[in-house]
C-alpha atoms as a PDB file:
ATOM      1  CA  MET A   1      49.937  36.826-173.836  1.00  0.00           C
ATOM      2  CA  ASN A   2      52.632  37.154-171.005  1.00  0.00           C
ATOM      3  CA  ILE A   3      54.876  34.567-170.708  1.00  0.00           C
ATOM      4  CA  PRO A   4      54.451  31.612-173.634  1.00  0.00           C
ATOM      5  CA  GLU A   5      53.257  28.112-172.837  1.00  0.00           C
ATOM      6  CA  LYS A   6      55.898  25.911-172.565  1.00  0.00           C
ATOM      7  CA  LYS A   7      56.587  24.267-176.251  1.00  0.00           C
ATOM      8  CA  GLN A   8      55.018  26.749-177.646  1.00  0.00           C
ATOM      9  CA  ARG A   9      56.136  26.769-181.554  1.00  0.00           C
ATOM     10  CA  TRP A  10      55.473  30.154-182.066  1.00  0.00           C
ATOM     11  CA  VAL A  11      56.332  33.115-179.986  1.00  0.00           C
ATOM     12  CA  PRO A  12      55.535  36.564-181.603  1.00  0.00           C
ATOM     13  CA  TYR A  13      57.197  39.368-180.136  1.00  0.00           C
ATOM     14  CA  GLU A  14      54.514  41.919-179.556  1.00  0.00           C
ATOM     15  CA  GLU A  15      52.727  39.058-177.540  1.00  0.00           C
ATOM     16  CA  THR A  16      54.755  38.721-175.123  1.00  0.00           C
ATOM     17  CA  LEU A  17      55.378  41.641-171.974  1.00  0.00           C
ATOM     18  CA  PRO A  18      58.485  42.978-170.234  1.00  0.00           C
ATOM     19  CA  GLN A  19      59.455  41.928-167.073  1.00  0.00           C
ATOM     20  CA  TYR A  20      61.433  44.106-164.752  1.00  0.00           C
ATOM     21  CA  THR A  21      64.674  42.585-162.996  1.00  0.00           C
ATOM     22  CA  ALA A  22      65.994  45.427-161.625  1.00  0.00           C
ATOM     23  CA  PRO A  23      66.901  49.327-162.450  1.00  0.00           C
ATOM     24  CA  GLY A  24      67.158  49.751-166.113  1.00  0.00           C
ATOM     25  CA  VAL A  25      66.905  45.880-167.027  1.00  0.00           C
ATOM     26  CA  THR A  26      63.265  44.637-168.431  1.00  0.00           C
ATOM     27  CA  ARG A  27      63.325  40.580-169.347  1.00  0.00           C
ATOM     28  CA  ARG A  28      60.906  38.893-171.864  1.00  0.00           C
ATOM     29  CA  ILE A  29      61.250  34.743-172.076  1.00  0.00           C
ATOM     30  CA  LEU A  30      60.474  33.430-175.291  1.00  0.00           C
ATOM     31  CA  ALA A  31      60.104  29.796-176.280  1.00  0.00           C
ATOM     32  CA  TYR A  32      61.707  26.927-174.202  1.00  0.00           C
ATOM     33  CA  THR A  33      61.105  23.364-173.560  1.00  0.00           C
ATOM     34  CA  ASP A  34      62.025  21.543-170.381  1.00  0.00           C
ATOM     35  CA  ASN A  35      65.739  21.501-171.656  1.00  0.00           C
ATOM     36  CA  LEU A  36      66.124  25.221-173.189  1.00  0.00           C
ATOM     37  CA  MET A  37      64.769  28.080-173.005  1.00  0.00           C
ATOM     38  CA  CYS A  38      66.001  31.787-174.720  1.00  0.00           C
ATOM     39  CA  VAL A  39      65.316  34.671-172.704  1.00  0.00           C
ATOM     40  CA  GLU A  40      65.595  38.409-174.256  1.00  0.00           C
ATOM     41  CA  ASN A  41      67.403  41.196-171.679  1.00  0.00           C
ATOM     42  CA  ARG A  42      67.392  44.659-172.492  1.00  0.00           C
ATOM     43  CA  PHE A  43      69.610  46.874-170.427  1.00  0.00           C
ATOM     44  CA  GLU A  44      69.784  50.868-170.050  1.00  0.00           C
ATOM     45  CA  TYR A  45      73.513  52.936-169.399  1.00  0.00           C
ATOM     46  CA  GLY A  46      74.596  51.813-166.132  1.00  0.00           C
ATOM     47  CA  ALA A  47      71.981  48.904-165.639  1.00  0.00           C
ATOM     48  CA  VAL A  48      73.484  46.093-163.554  1.00  0.00           C
ATOM     49  CA  GLY A  49      73.055  42.309-163.910  1.00  0.00           C
ATOM     50  CA  SER A  50      74.069  41.527-160.230  1.00  0.00           C
ATOM     51  CA  LEU A  51      77.194  38.853-160.198  1.00  0.00           C
ATOM     52  CA  HIS A  52      75.387  35.232-159.488  1.00  0.00           C
ATOM     53  CA  SER A  53      75.435  32.205-160.675  1.00  0.00           C
ATOM     54  CA  HIS A  54      72.902  28.982-161.009  1.00  0.00           C
ATOM     55  CA  PRO A  55      73.112  25.574-161.734  1.00  0.00           C
ATOM     56  CA  HIS A  56      72.294  26.305-165.766  1.00  0.00           C
ATOM     57  CA  THR A  57      74.873  26.267-168.518  1.00  0.00           C
ATOM     58  CA  GLN A  58      74.354  29.740-170.291  1.00  0.00           C
ATOM     59  CA  ILE A  59      75.263  31.165-173.648  1.00  0.00           C
ATOM     60  CA  THR A  60      74.436  34.841-173.566  1.00  0.00           C
ATOM     61  CA  TYR A  61      74.935  36.620-177.424  1.00  0.00           C
ATOM     62  CA  VAL A  62      74.737  40.529-177.372  1.00  0.00           C
ATOM     63  CA  VAL A  63      72.791  42.161-179.652  1.00  0.00           C
ATOM     64  CA  SER A  64      73.687  45.393-179.461  1.00  0.00           C
ATOM     65  CA  GLY A  65      74.491  47.670-176.661  1.00  0.00           C
ATOM     66  CA  GLU A  66      78.327  47.520-175.218  1.00  0.00           C
ATOM     67  CA  PHE A  67      78.934  45.585-171.383  1.00  0.00           C
ATOM     68  CA  SER A  68      81.463  45.081-168.888  1.00  0.00           C
ATOM     69  CA  PHE A  69      81.295  41.396-168.534  1.00  0.00           C
ATOM     70  CA  THR A  70      82.993  39.181-165.499  1.00  0.00           C
ATOM     71  CA  ILE A  71      82.611  35.633-165.804  1.00  0.00           C
ATOM     72  CA  ASP A  72      84.466  33.136-162.666  1.00  0.00           C
ATOM     73  CA  GLY A  73      86.678  36.836-161.725  1.00  0.00           C
ATOM     74  CA  GLU A  74      87.668  37.834-165.625  1.00  0.00           C
ATOM     75  CA  THR A  75      86.541  40.775-166.802  1.00  0.00           C
ATOM     76  CA  ARG A  76      86.056  42.298-170.351  1.00  0.00           C
ATOM     77  CA  THR A  77      84.181  44.580-172.295  1.00  0.00           C
ATOM     78  CA  VAL A  78      81.748  42.747-174.618  1.00  0.00           C
ATOM     79  CA  ARG A  79      79.990  44.252-178.058  1.00  0.00           C
ATOM     80  CA  ALA A  80      77.350  43.190-180.532  1.00  0.00           C
ATOM     81  CA  GLY A  81      78.288  40.032-182.039  1.00  0.00           C
ATOM     82  CA  ASP A  82      80.107  38.705-179.238  1.00  0.00           C
ATOM     83  CA  THR A  83      79.205  35.074-177.425  1.00  0.00           C
ATOM     84  CA  LEU A  84      79.314  34.645-173.952  1.00  0.00           C
ATOM     85  CA  LEU A  85      80.137  30.954-172.312  1.00  0.00           C
ATOM     86  CA  LYS A  86      78.791  30.483-168.369  1.00  0.00           C
ATOM     87  CA  GLU A  87      78.658  26.637-167.243  1.00  0.00           C
ATOM     88  CA  ASP A  88      76.950  26.092-164.754  1.00  0.00           C
ATOM     89  CA  GLY A  89      78.042  27.303-160.844  1.00  0.00           C
ATOM     90  CA  VAL A  90      80.622  29.885-162.644  1.00  0.00           C
ATOM     91  CA  GLU A  91      79.674  33.778-161.080  1.00  0.00           C
ATOM     92  CA  HIS A  92      78.719  36.069-163.600  1.00  0.00           C
ATOM     93  CA  GLY A  93      77.457  39.671-163.611  1.00  0.00           C
ATOM     94  CA  CYS A  94      77.562  42.718-165.811  1.00  0.00           C
ATOM     95  CA  ILE A  95      77.137  46.665-166.484  1.00  0.00           C
ATOM     96  CA  CYS A  96      75.500  47.826-169.602  1.00  0.00           C
ATOM     97  CA  LEU A  97      78.102  50.820-170.567  1.00  0.00           C
ATOM     98  CA  SER A  98      75.949  51.382-173.939  1.00  0.00           C
ATOM     99  CA  PRO A  99      72.165  50.697-174.209  1.00  0.00           C
ATOM    100  CA  GLY A 100      71.719  47.386-175.324  1.00  0.00           C
ATOM    101  CA  VAL A 101      70.171  43.752-175.342  1.00  0.00           C
ATOM    102  CA  LEU A 102      71.597  40.281-174.752  1.00  0.00           C
ATOM    103  CA  LEU A 103      69.918  37.227-175.866  1.00  0.00           C
ATOM    104  CA  ASP A 104      70.485  34.159-173.491  1.00  0.00           C
ATOM    105  CA  ILE A 105      70.123  30.521-173.774  1.00  0.00           C
ATOM    106  CA  PHE A 106      69.617  28.611-170.964  1.00  0.00           C
ATOM    107  CA  THR A 107      69.841  25.170-170.237  1.00  0.00           C
ATOM    108  CA  PRO A 108      68.136  23.726-168.757  1.00  0.00           C
ATOM    109  CA  MET A 109      65.152  26.066-169.245  1.00  0.00           C
ATOM    110  CA  ARG A 110      64.992  28.638-165.817  1.00  0.00           C
ATOM    111  CA  GLU A 111      61.747  27.430-163.987  1.00  0.00           C
ATOM    112  CA  ASP A 112      62.486  30.584-161.282  1.00  0.00           C
ATOM    113  CA  PHE A 113      61.588  32.804-164.586  1.00  0.00           C
ATOM    114  CA  LEU A 114      58.183  31.403-164.721  1.00  0.00           C
END
């Protein structure tokens, strides 16, 4: 399995394959439906999540590492346990300060990731 099927009830992590999205960044699509999607992003030190926006509301949970995050022009350093809300259309991006993992939840799901 590379990308799970929509509405797949069980998604074993070891059966998902990372997609290389930018230098030092890998993404794994996890479970999703039409209205909700869970995605893991792994960042190496110095990797950049370029500033962008999209028509999806996104919640990011910092699983590990440290990141300089910009949301709607405001920049803060975030660490493991922190949560960020990015409503649809709001510009956001990050720089990885210490290798880590971000867990993103999108509504609706990101068809462009498939």
